[in-house]
Amino acid sequence: MQNHNVDKRVYHLYDEYCHGHITRRQFFERAAAITVGGISALTLAEALLPNYAEAQLISFTDERIKGTYVNYPSPGGTSGQMRGYLVKPAGDGPFPAVLVIHENRGLNPHIEDVARRAAVAGFLALAPDGLFPIGGYPGNDDDGRAMQATLDQAKLRQDMVNSARYLKAHEHSNGKLGATGFCWGGATTNYLAVALGPELQAGVPFYGGAPDSAEVNKIRAAMMIQYAEDDERVNASREGYEAALKANGVNYQMYTYPGTLHGFHNNSTPRYNAEAADLAWERTVAFFNEHLS
């Protein structure tokens, strides 16, 4: 799904659309007003929409893993109950545990695929669906984004806290917990590092907003923080975050991937950068192996 020929103005419009700042209709209308080589950029805009069938890397039926949907209590969350996609490596374990947190649109097929990738790498992975209390991921990202925006954000974050604790205590977990996430999920990974303190051993947020600098002193996890180079909104908080991590003696690493856009790890859209995504994932797996095994 990689495409380096899309005009950056269209990418930036897509970023606004993905984050709910403009509607799908506005995205297409504004893209249509842009010309590239005398041709409307509308076709380029349409190419940016995700294609999950083409992007799947690990099959649901891969013999190296076993995936199932699980329900579990979530006190203080949106409804008191949660559901997630739990993927276990073949064998009895116990396994190091990794929470995989979706973007701002619920548990879509791409995030389920990332959970399977984590399981293939040897981790017990849980990808919670923050939309489960209001019907679950609806099958398309537009409706999912609209649904997630209606939720009480504090209760939604509590659902993620409860998901992390459920996974850490799971019978197939070795009791060591990591978390990773993308965009909203990246910001939530940072939030969990603060909220869980010593309960979280390692966090790898991808292009996620930083926590409040005054809260960074609560982080006990080792952190690997992944940034896209061209991601003005998220990168605006990087300098302050790094200063707070240093001031509080947090074990951290930060990486910026040259030539990348927000969402570069997501291989279901042309924002995907294969070289950077592969390197970032290799680093993520090695980091979790170091801190969770």
C-alpha atoms as a PDB file:
ATOM      1  CA  MET A   1       0.000   0.000   0.000  1.00  0.00           C
ATOM      2  CA  GLN A   2       3.039   2.274  -0.061  1.00  0.00           C
ATOM      3  CA  ASN A   3       2.851   5.265  -2.416  1.00  0.00           C
ATOM      4  CA  HIS A   4       5.429   8.033  -2.295  1.00  0.00           C
ATOM      5  CA  ASN A   5       3.860   9.898  -5.247  1.00  0.00           C
ATOM      6  CA  VAL A   6       0.837  11.304  -3.408  1.00  0.00           C
ATOM      7  CA  ASP A   7       1.022  15.093  -3.020  1.00  0.00           C
ATOM      8  CA  LYS A   8       1.837  16.038   0.588  1.00  0.00           C
ATOM      9  CA  ARG A   9      -1.078  18.459   0.688  1.00  0.00           C
ATOM     10  CA  VAL A  10      -3.387  15.488   0.195  1.00  0.00           C
ATOM     11  CA  TYR A  11      -1.595  13.540   2.947  1.00  0.00           C
ATOM     12  CA  HIS A  12      -2.098  16.460   5.311  1.00  0.00           C
ATOM     13  CA  LEU A  13      -5.792  16.629   4.442  1.00  0.00           C
ATOM     14  CA  TYR A  14      -6.026  12.910   5.132  1.00  0.00           C
ATOM     15  CA  ASP A  15      -4.381  13.452   8.511  1.00  0.00           C
ATOM     16  CA  GLU A  16      -7.030  16.073   9.337  1.00  0.00           C
ATOM     17  CA  TYR A  17      -9.746  13.636   8.251  1.00  0.00           C
ATOM     18  CA  CYS A  18      -8.277  10.721  10.241  1.00  0.00           C
ATOM     19  CA  HIS A  19      -8.230  12.796  13.407  1.00  0.00           C
ATOM     20  CA  GLY A  20     -11.825  13.944  12.993  1.00  0.00           C
ATOM     21  CA  HIS A  21     -11.046  17.586  12.220  1.00  0.00           C
ATOM     22  CA  ILE A  22     -12.818  17.414   8.853  1.00  0.00           C
ATOM     23  CA  THR A  23     -15.493  15.061   7.530  1.00  0.00           C
ATOM     24  CA  ARG A  24     -15.069  12.510   4.755  1.00  0.00           C
ATOM     25  CA  ARG A  25     -17.014  14.794   2.443  1.00  0.00           C
ATOM     26  CA  GLN A  26     -14.794  17.774   3.285  1.00  0.00           C
ATOM     27  CA  PHE A  27     -11.713  15.629   2.747  1.00  0.00           C
ATOM     28  CA  PHE A  28     -12.791  14.744  -0.775  1.00  0.00           C
ATOM     29  CA  GLU A  29     -14.031  18.263  -1.585  1.00  0.00           C
ATOM     30  CA  ARG A  30     -10.770  19.882  -0.508  1.00  0.00           C
ATOM     31  CA  ALA A  31      -8.691  17.249  -2.276  1.00  0.00           C
ATOM     32  CA  ALA A  32     -10.673  17.842  -5.462  1.00  0.00           C
ATOM     33  CA  ALA A  33      -9.685  21.525  -5.304  1.00  0.00           C
ATOM     34  CA  ILE A  34      -5.984  20.598  -5.379  1.00  0.00           C
ATOM     35  CA  THR A  35      -4.384  19.999  -8.760  1.00  0.00           C
ATOM     36  CA  VAL A  36      -1.226  17.983  -9.337  1.00  0.00           C
ATOM     37  CA  GLY A  37       0.231  18.360 -12.803  1.00  0.00           C
ATOM     38  CA  GLY A  38      -3.040  19.881 -13.948  1.00  0.00           C
ATOM     39  CA  ILE A  39      -5.038  16.908 -12.669  1.00  0.00           C
ATOM     40  CA  SER A  40      -7.415  16.886  -9.690  1.00  0.00           C
ATOM     41  CA  ALA A  41      -5.998  15.204  -6.586  1.00  0.00           C
ATOM     42  CA  LEU A  42      -9.344  13.517  -5.837  1.00  0.00           C
ATOM     43  CA  THR A  43      -8.097  10.178  -7.207  1.00  0.00           C
ATOM     44  CA  LEU A  44      -5.040  10.449  -4.967  1.00  0.00           C
ATOM     45  CA  ALA A  45      -7.292  11.105  -1.984  1.00  0.00           C
ATOM     46  CA  GLU A  46      -9.405   8.050  -2.737  1.00  0.00           C
ATOM     47  CA  ALA A  47      -6.220   5.934  -2.852  1.00  0.00           C
ATOM     48  CA  LEU A  48      -5.433   6.866   0.756  1.00  0.00           C
ATOM     49  CA  LEU A  49      -8.448   5.065   2.198  1.00  0.00           C
ATOM     50  CA  PRO A  50      -7.451   1.807   3.922  1.00  0.00           C
ATOM     51  CA  ASN A  51      -7.530  -1.561   2.204  1.00  0.00           C
ATOM     52  CA  TYR A  52      -7.483  -4.117   4.996  1.00  0.00           C
ATOM     53  CA  ALA A  53      -7.760  -7.234   2.834  1.00  0.00           C
ATOM     54  CA  GLU A  54      -4.542  -6.437   0.960  1.00  0.00           C
ATOM     55  CA  ALA A  55      -2.734  -5.359   4.129  1.00  0.00           C
ATOM     56  CA  GLN A  56      -3.184  -8.546   6.184  1.00  0.00           C
ATOM     57  CA  LEU A  57       0.208 -10.084   6.965  1.00  0.00           C
ATOM     58  CA  ILE A  58      -0.783 -12.894   9.351  1.00  0.00           C
ATOM     59  CA  SER A  59      -3.832 -15.053   8.679  1.00  0.00           C
ATOM     60  CA  PHE A  60      -6.480 -15.748  11.320  1.00  0.00           C
ATOM     61  CA  THR A  61      -5.746 -19.429  10.734  1.00  0.00           C
ATOM     62  CA  ASP A  62      -1.947 -19.231  10.987  1.00  0.00           C
ATOM     63  CA  GLU A  63      -0.825 -22.414  12.771  1.00  0.00           C
ATOM     64  CA  ARG A  64       1.753 -20.519  14.848  1.00  0.00           C
ATOM     65  CA  ILE A  65      -0.958 -18.774  16.850  1.00  0.00           C
ATOM     66  CA  LYS A  66      -4.455 -19.141  18.231  1.00  0.00           C
ATOM     67  CA  GLY A  67      -6.805 -16.163  18.327  1.00  0.00           C
ATOM     68  CA  THR A  68     -10.123 -15.786  20.098  1.00  0.00           C
ATOM     69  CA  TYR A  69     -12.439 -13.020  21.293  1.00  0.00           C
ATOM     70  CA  VAL A  70     -12.715 -12.704  25.052  1.00  0.00           C
ATOM     71  CA  ASN A  71     -15.029 -10.766  27.368  1.00  0.00           C
ATOM     72  CA  TYR A  72     -13.898  -9.523  30.768  1.00  0.00           C
ATOM     73  CA  PRO A  73     -15.027  -7.129  33.509  1.00  0.00           C
ATOM     74  CA  SER A  74     -14.117  -3.454  33.275  1.00  0.00           C
ATOM     75  CA  PRO A  75     -15.167  -1.646  36.460  1.00  0.00           C
ATOM     76  CA  GLY A  76     -15.362   2.116  36.041  1.00  0.00           C
ATOM     77  CA  GLY A  77     -15.303   1.854  32.251  1.00  0.00           C
ATOM     78  CA  THR A  78     -17.985   2.731  29.726  1.00  0.00           C
ATOM     79  CA  SER A  79     -20.299  -0.169  30.580  1.00  0.00           C
ATOM     80  CA  GLY A  80     -18.487  -2.338  33.109  1.00  0.00           C
ATOM     81  CA  GLN A  81     -17.664  -4.953  30.462  1.00  0.00           C
ATOM     82  CA  MET A  82     -15.038  -5.154  27.732  1.00  0.00           C
ATOM     83  CA  ARG A  83     -14.164  -7.366  24.790  1.00  0.00           C
ATOM     84  CA  GLY A  84     -10.858  -7.903  23.073  1.00  0.00           C
ATOM     85  CA  TYR A  85      -9.047 -10.044  20.532  1.00  0.00           C
ATOM     86  CA  LEU A  86      -6.659 -12.336  22.424  1.00  0.00           C
ATOM     87  CA  VAL A  87      -3.922 -14.053  20.405  1.00  0.00           C
ATOM     88  CA  LYS A  88      -1.718 -16.709  21.972  1.00  0.00           C
ATOM     89  CA  PRO A  89       1.422 -18.230  20.471  1.00  0.00           C
ATOM     90  CA  ALA A  90       1.333 -21.970  19.914  1.00  0.00           C
ATOM     91  CA  GLY A  91       2.309 -23.854  23.058  1.00  0.00           C
ATOM     92  CA  ASP A  92       1.411 -23.635  26.706  1.00  0.00           C
ATOM     93  CA  GLY A  93       3.476 -20.662  27.811  1.00  0.00           C
ATOM     94  CA  PRO A  94       3.571 -18.701  29.970  1.00  0.00           C
ATOM     95  CA  PHE A  95       4.325 -15.859  27.565  1.00  0.00           C
ATOM     96  CA  PRO A  96       5.264 -12.209  28.008  1.00  0.00           C
ATOM     97  CA  ALA A  97       2.129 -10.122  27.501  1.00  0.00           C
ATOM     98  CA  VAL A  98       1.614  -7.169  25.144  1.00  0.00           C
ATOM     99  CA  LEU A  99      -1.467  -4.946  24.937  1.00  0.00           C
ATOM    100  CA  VAL A 100      -2.055  -3.632  21.376  1.00  0.00           C
ATOM    101  CA  ILE A 101      -4.117  -0.425  21.392  1.00  0.00           C
ATOM    102  CA  HIS A 102      -6.128   0.775  18.415  1.00  0.00           C
ATOM    103  CA  GLU A 103      -6.374   4.217  16.861  1.00  0.00           C
ATOM    104  CA  ASN A 104      -9.354   6.549  17.229  1.00  0.00           C
ATOM    105  CA  ARG A 105     -11.791   4.233  15.459  1.00  0.00           C
ATOM    106  CA  GLY A 106     -12.044   1.007  17.421  1.00  0.00           C
ATOM    107  CA  LEU A 107     -10.609  -2.430  16.803  1.00  0.00           C
ATOM    108  CA  ASN A 108     -10.307  -2.574  13.027  1.00  0.00           C
ATOM    109  CA  PRO A 109      -8.752  -5.427  10.985  1.00  0.00           C
ATOM    110  CA  HIS A 110      -5.335  -3.750  10.846  1.00  0.00           C
ATOM    111  CA  ILE A 111      -4.957  -3.682  14.633  1.00  0.00           C
ATOM    112  CA  GLU A 112      -6.108  -7.299  14.846  1.00  0.00           C
ATOM    113  CA  ASP A 113      -3.358  -8.119  12.349  1.00  0.00           C
ATOM    114  CA  VAL A 114      -0.800  -6.297  14.508  1.00  0.00           C
ATOM    115  CA  ALA A 115      -1.922  -8.403  17.485  1.00  0.00           C
ATOM    116  CA  ARG A 116      -1.302 -11.525  15.415  1.00  0.00           C
ATOM    117  CA  ARG A 117       2.156 -10.222  14.481  1.00  0.00           C
ATOM    118  CA  ALA A 118       2.911  -9.785  18.177  1.00  0.00           C
ATOM    119  CA  ALA A 119       1.789 -13.348  18.891  1.00  0.00           C
ATOM    120  CA  VAL A 120       3.944 -14.720  16.071  1.00  0.00           C
ATOM    121  CA  ALA A 121       6.849 -12.906  17.737  1.00  0.00           C
ATOM    122  CA  GLY A 122       6.153 -14.862  20.946  1.00  0.00           C
ATOM    123  CA  PHE A 123       3.901 -12.559  22.962  1.00  0.00           C
ATOM    124  CA  LEU A 124       0.459 -13.136  24.432  1.00  0.00           C
ATOM    125  CA  ALA A 125      -1.332 -10.237  22.739  1.00  0.00           C
ATOM    126  CA  LEU A 126      -4.627  -8.565  23.568  1.00  0.00           C
ATOM    127  CA  ALA A 127      -6.190  -5.938  21.318  1.00  0.00           C
ATOM    128  CA  PRO A 128      -9.154  -4.421  23.200  1.00  0.00           C
ATOM    129  CA  ASP A 129     -12.084  -2.861  21.371  1.00  0.00           C
ATOM    130  CA  GLY A 130     -12.939   0.417  23.067  1.00  0.00           C
ATOM    131  CA  LEU A 131     -16.194   0.478  21.079  1.00  0.00           C
ATOM    132  CA  PHE A 132     -17.457  -2.836  22.458  1.00  0.00           C
ATOM    133  CA  PRO A 133     -19.680  -1.203  25.138  1.00  0.00           C
ATOM    134  CA  ILE A 134     -21.588   0.663  22.411  1.00  0.00           C
ATOM    135  CA  GLY A 135     -21.800  -2.142  19.861  1.00  0.00           C
ATOM    136  CA  GLY A 136     -18.188  -2.751  18.822  1.00  0.00           C
ATOM    137  CA  TYR A 137     -16.192  -1.782  15.754  1.00  0.00           C
ATOM    138  CA  PRO A 138     -18.888  -1.224  13.111  1.00  0.00           C
ATOM    139  CA  GLY A 139     -17.012  -2.567  10.107  1.00  0.00           C
ATOM    140  CA  ASN A 140     -15.763   0.744   8.717  1.00  0.00           C
ATOM    141  CA  ASP A 141     -13.463   3.418  10.053  1.00  0.00           C
ATOM    142  CA  ASP A 142     -15.755   6.405   9.412  1.00  0.00           C
ATOM    143  CA  ASP A 143     -18.497   5.105  11.687  1.00  0.00           C
ATOM    144  CA  GLY A 144     -15.916   3.799  14.151  1.00  0.00           C
ATOM    145  CA  ARG A 145     -14.309   7.219  14.430  1.00  0.00           C
ATOM    146  CA  ALA A 146     -17.677   8.861  15.003  1.00  0.00           C
ATOM    147  CA  MET A 147     -18.590   6.284  17.655  1.00  0.00           C
ATOM    148  CA  GLN A 148     -15.330   6.655  19.548  1.00  0.00           C
ATOM    149  CA  ALA A 149     -15.761  10.434  19.646  1.00  0.00           C
ATOM    150  CA  THR A 150     -19.041  10.011  21.553  1.00  0.00           C
ATOM    151  CA  LEU A 151     -17.435   8.111  24.440  1.00  0.00           C
ATOM    152  CA  ASP A 152     -16.522   9.535  27.810  1.00  0.00           C
ATOM    153  CA  GLN A 153     -12.763   9.617  27.342  1.00  0.00           C
ATOM    154  CA  ALA A 154     -11.946   8.997  31.006  1.00  0.00           C
ATOM    155  CA  LYS A 155     -14.112   5.855  30.993  1.00  0.00           C
ATOM    156  CA  LEU A 156     -12.580   4.729  27.713  1.00  0.00           C
ATOM    157  CA  ARG A 157      -9.084   5.075  29.178  1.00  0.00           C
ATOM    158  CA  GLN A 158     -10.245   3.089  32.220  1.00  0.00           C
ATOM    159  CA  ASP A 159     -11.352   0.345  29.856  1.00  0.00           C
ATOM    160  CA  MET A 160      -7.769   0.260  28.550  1.00  0.00           C
ATOM    161  CA  VAL A 161      -6.363   0.155  32.096  1.00  0.00           C
ATOM    162  CA  ASN A 162      -8.653  -2.768  32.905  1.00  0.00           C
ATOM    163  CA  SER A 163      -7.679  -4.503  29.670  1.00  0.00           C
ATOM    164  CA  ALA A 164      -4.018  -4.216  30.615  1.00  0.00           C
ATOM    165  CA  ARG A 165      -4.648  -5.684  34.061  1.00  0.00           C
ATOM    166  CA  TYR A 166      -6.751  -8.509  32.630  1.00  0.00           C
ATOM    167  CA  LEU A 167      -3.928  -9.422  30.246  1.00  0.00           C
ATOM    168  CA  LYS A 168      -1.195  -9.186  32.868  1.00  0.00           C
ATOM    169  CA  ALA A 169      -3.099 -11.593  35.136  1.00  0.00           C
ATOM    170  CA  HIS A 170      -4.087 -14.020  32.362  1.00  0.00           C
ATOM    171  CA  GLU A 171      -3.261 -17.681  32.957  1.00  0.00           C
ATOM    172  CA  HIS A 172      -0.966 -17.733  29.906  1.00  0.00           C
ATOM    173  CA  SER A 173       0.894 -14.533  30.901  1.00  0.00           C
ATOM    174  CA  ASN A 174       4.293 -14.617  32.599  1.00  0.00           C
ATOM    175  CA  GLY A 175       3.202 -11.593  34.638  1.00  0.00           C
ATOM    176  CA  LYS A 176       5.279  -9.083  32.687  1.00  0.00           C
ATOM    177  CA  LEU A 177       3.333  -6.530  30.688  1.00  0.00           C
ATOM    178  CA  GLY A 178       4.113  -4.352  27.702  1.00  0.00           C
ATOM    179  CA  ALA A 179       1.886  -1.994  25.739  1.00  0.00           C
ATOM    180  CA  THR A 180       2.036  -0.539  22.266  1.00  0.00           C
ATOM    181  CA  GLY A 181      -0.405   1.554  20.272  1.00  0.00           C
ATOM    182  CA  PHE A 182      -0.797   3.855  17.324  1.00  0.00           C
ATOM    183  CA  CYS A 183      -2.002   7.475  17.189  1.00  0.00           C
ATOM    184  CA  TRP A 184      -4.746   7.499  19.867  1.00  0.00           C
ATOM    185  CA  GLY A 185      -3.348   4.176  20.958  1.00  0.00           C
ATOM    186  CA  GLY A 186       0.122   5.712  21.162  1.00  0.00           C
ATOM    187  CA  ALA A 187      -1.150   8.477  23.414  1.00  0.00           C
ATOM    188  CA  THR A 188      -2.964   5.849  25.460  1.00  0.00           C
ATOM    189  CA  THR A 189       0.239   3.823  25.785  1.00  0.00           C
ATOM    190  CA  ASN A 190       1.836   6.925  27.286  1.00  0.00           C
ATOM    191  CA  TYR A 191      -1.202   7.324  29.549  1.00  0.00           C
ATOM    192  CA  LEU A 192      -0.955   3.714  30.728  1.00  0.00           C
ATOM    193  CA  ALA A 193       2.716   4.193  31.565  1.00  0.00           C
ATOM    194  CA  VAL A 194       1.626   6.931  33.978  1.00  0.00           C
ATOM    195  CA  ALA A 195      -1.541   5.262  35.268  1.00  0.00           C
ATOM    196  CA  LEU A 196      -0.097   1.786  35.801  1.00  0.00           C
ATOM    197  CA  GLY A 197       3.265   2.793  37.235  1.00  0.00           C
ATOM    198  CA  PRO A 198       5.142  -0.389  38.224  1.00  0.00           C
ATOM    199  CA  GLU A 199       2.421  -2.649  36.776  1.00  0.00           C
ATOM    200  CA  LEU A 200       3.742  -1.878  33.269  1.00  0.00           C
ATOM    201  CA  GLN A 201       7.243  -3.064  32.396  1.00  0.00           C
ATOM    202  CA  ALA A 202       7.616  -1.616  28.865  1.00  0.00           C
ATOM    203  CA  GLY A 203       5.763   0.802  26.580  1.00  0.00           C
ATOM    204  CA  VAL A 204       6.188   1.502  22.870  1.00  0.00           C
ATOM    205  CA  PRO A 205       3.928   4.342  21.695  1.00  0.00           C
ATOM    206  CA  PHE A 206       3.826   5.035  17.958  1.00  0.00           C
ATOM    207  CA  TYR A 207       3.253   8.712  17.089  1.00  0.00           C
ATOM    208  CA  GLY A 208       1.142   9.345  20.180  1.00  0.00           C
ATOM    209  CA  GLY A 209       0.641  12.496  22.201  1.00  0.00           C
ATOM    210  CA  ALA A 210       2.802  12.860  25.303  1.00  0.00           C
ATOM    211  CA  PRO A 211       1.429  12.714  28.843  1.00  0.00           C
ATOM    212  CA  ASP A 212       1.413  15.763  31.098  1.00  0.00           C
ATOM    213  CA  SER A 213       5.033  16.492  32.036  1.00  0.00           C
ATOM    214  CA  ALA A 214       4.020  16.736  35.699  1.00  0.00           C
ATOM    215  CA  GLU A 215       2.823  13.091  35.548  1.00  0.00           C
ATOM    216  CA  VAL A 216       5.969  11.608  34.006  1.00  0.00           C
ATOM    217  CA  ASN A 217       7.461  10.999  37.453  1.00  0.00           C
ATOM    218  CA  LYS A 218       4.913   8.150  37.830  1.00  0.00           C
ATOM    219  CA  ILE A 219       6.375   6.169  34.920  1.00  0.00           C
ATOM    220  CA  ARG A 220       8.291   3.052  35.942  1.00  0.00           C
ATOM    221  CA  ALA A 221       8.210   1.253  32.587  1.00  0.00           C
ATOM    222  CA  ALA A 222      11.040   1.348  30.097  1.00  0.00           C
ATOM    223  CA  MET A 223       9.817   3.414  27.141  1.00  0.00           C
ATOM    224  CA  MET A 224      10.596   3.293  23.417  1.00  0.00           C
ATOM    225  CA  ILE A 225       8.903   6.237  21.735  1.00  0.00           C
ATOM    226  CA  GLN A 226       8.456   6.147  17.946  1.00  0.00           C
ATOM    227  CA  TYR A 227       7.902   9.314  15.878  1.00  0.00           C
ATOM    228  CA  ALA A 228       7.257  10.116  12.243  1.00  0.00           C
ATOM    229  CA  GLU A 229       9.383  12.909  10.824  1.00  0.00           C
ATOM    230  CA  ASP A 230       6.487  14.827   9.235  1.00  0.00           C
ATOM    231  CA  ASP A 231       3.940  14.874  12.076  1.00  0.00           C
ATOM    232  CA  GLU A 232       3.694  18.408  13.383  1.00  0.00           C
ATOM    233  CA  ARG A 233       0.799  17.906  15.785  1.00  0.00           C
ATOM    234  CA  VAL A 234       2.344  14.993  17.683  1.00  0.00           C
ATOM    235  CA  ASN A 235       5.951  16.130  17.446  1.00  0.00           C
ATOM    236  CA  ALA A 236       5.108  19.441  19.109  1.00  0.00           C
ATOM    237  CA  SER A 237       5.087  17.630  22.467  1.00  0.00           C
ATOM    238  CA  ARG A 238       8.301  15.678  21.931  1.00  0.00           C
ATOM    239  CA  GLU A 239      10.817  18.133  23.357  1.00  0.00           C
ATOM    240  CA  GLY A 240       8.903  18.630  26.600  1.00  0.00           C
ATOM    241  CA  TYR A 241       8.292  14.896  26.959  1.00  0.00           C
ATOM    242  CA  GLU A 242      11.963  14.064  26.553  1.00  0.00           C
ATOM    243  CA  ALA A 243      12.961  16.737  29.067  1.00  0.00           C
ATOM    244  CA  ALA A 244      10.518  15.267  31.612  1.00  0.00           C
ATOM    245  CA  LEU A 245      11.761  11.717  30.986  1.00  0.00           C
ATOM    246  CA  LYS A 246      15.346  12.819  31.555  1.00  0.00           C
ATOM    247  CA  ALA A 247      14.486  14.852  34.642  1.00  0.00           C
ATOM    248  CA  ASN A 248      12.733  11.848  36.209  1.00  0.00           C
ATOM    249  CA  GLY A 249      15.350   9.263  35.321  1.00  0.00           C
ATOM    250  CA  VAL A 250      13.031   7.171  33.127  1.00  0.00           C
ATOM    251  CA  ASN A 251      14.700   4.481  31.026  1.00  0.00           C
ATOM    252  CA  TYR A 252      13.760   5.597  27.513  1.00  0.00           C
ATOM    253  CA  GLN A 253      14.702   5.592  23.848  1.00  0.00           C
ATOM    254  CA  MET A 254      13.304   7.881  21.155  1.00  0.00           C
ATOM    255  CA  TYR A 255      13.404   7.345  17.407  1.00  0.00           C
ATOM    256  CA  THR A 256      12.319   9.543  14.517  1.00  0.00           C
ATOM    257  CA  TYR A 257      12.046   7.845  11.131  1.00  0.00           C
ATOM    258  CA  PRO A 258      13.217  10.055   8.236  1.00  0.00           C
ATOM    259  CA  GLY A 259      10.849  10.649   5.355  1.00  0.00           C
ATOM    260  CA  THR A 260       7.810   9.314   7.222  1.00  0.00           C
ATOM    261  CA  LEU A 261       4.317  10.613   7.874  1.00  0.00           C
ATOM    262  CA  HIS A 262       1.958  10.042  10.788  1.00  0.00           C
ATOM    263  CA  GLY A 263       0.666   6.496  10.382  1.00  0.00           C
ATOM    264  CA  PHE A 264       3.775   5.174   8.652  1.00  0.00           C
ATOM    265  CA  HIS A 265       3.455   1.757  10.340  1.00  0.00           C
ATOM    266  CA  ASN A 266      -0.056   1.148   9.003  1.00  0.00           C
ATOM    267  CA  ASN A 267       0.355  -0.894   5.833  1.00  0.00           C
ATOM    268  CA  SER A 268      -3.320  -0.564   4.869  1.00  0.00           C
ATOM    269  CA  THR A 269      -2.856   2.960   3.447  1.00  0.00           C
ATOM    270  CA  PRO A 270      -0.233   4.650   1.227  1.00  0.00           C
ATOM    271  CA  ARG A 271       1.141   6.548   4.247  1.00  0.00           C
ATOM    272  CA  TYR A 272       2.906   3.263   4.957  1.00  0.00           C
ATOM    273  CA  ASN A 273       6.689   3.357   4.772  1.00  0.00           C
ATOM    274  CA  ALA A 274       7.877  -0.252   4.566  1.00  0.00           C
ATOM    275  CA  GLU A 275      11.506   0.359   5.506  1.00  0.00           C
ATOM    276  CA  ALA A 276      10.652   2.489   8.534  1.00  0.00           C
ATOM    277  CA  ALA A 277       7.774   0.235   9.615  1.00  0.00           C
ATOM    278  CA  ASP A 278       9.950  -2.877   9.479  1.00  0.00           C
ATOM    279  CA  LEU A 279      12.727  -1.217  11.468  1.00  0.00           C
ATOM    280  CA  ALA A 280      10.308   0.196  14.041  1.00  0.00           C
ATOM    281  CA  TRP A 281       8.661  -3.203  14.520  1.00  0.00           C
ATOM    282  CA  GLU A 282      12.027  -4.998  14.806  1.00  0.00           C
ATOM    283  CA  ARG A 283      13.031  -2.517  17.488  1.00  0.00           C
ATOM    284  CA  THR A 284       9.684  -2.964  19.240  1.00  0.00           C
ATOM    285  CA  VAL A 285       9.961  -6.750  19.378  1.00  0.00           C
ATOM    286  CA  ALA A 286      13.584  -6.594  20.594  1.00  0.00           C
ATOM    287  CA  PHE A 287      12.633  -4.045  23.248  1.00  0.00           C
ATOM    288  CA  PHE A 288       9.784  -6.181  24.557  1.00  0.00           C
ATOM    289  CA  ASN A 289      11.998  -9.259  24.563  1.00  0.00           C
ATOM    290  CA  GLU A 290      14.562  -7.355  26.606  1.00  0.00           C
ATOM    291  CA  HIS A 291      12.112  -6.090  29.234  1.00  0.00           C
ATOM    292  CA  LEU A 292       9.400  -8.770  29.367  1.00  0.00           C
ATOM    293  CA  SER A 293      11.169 -12.106  29.046  1.00  0.00           C
END
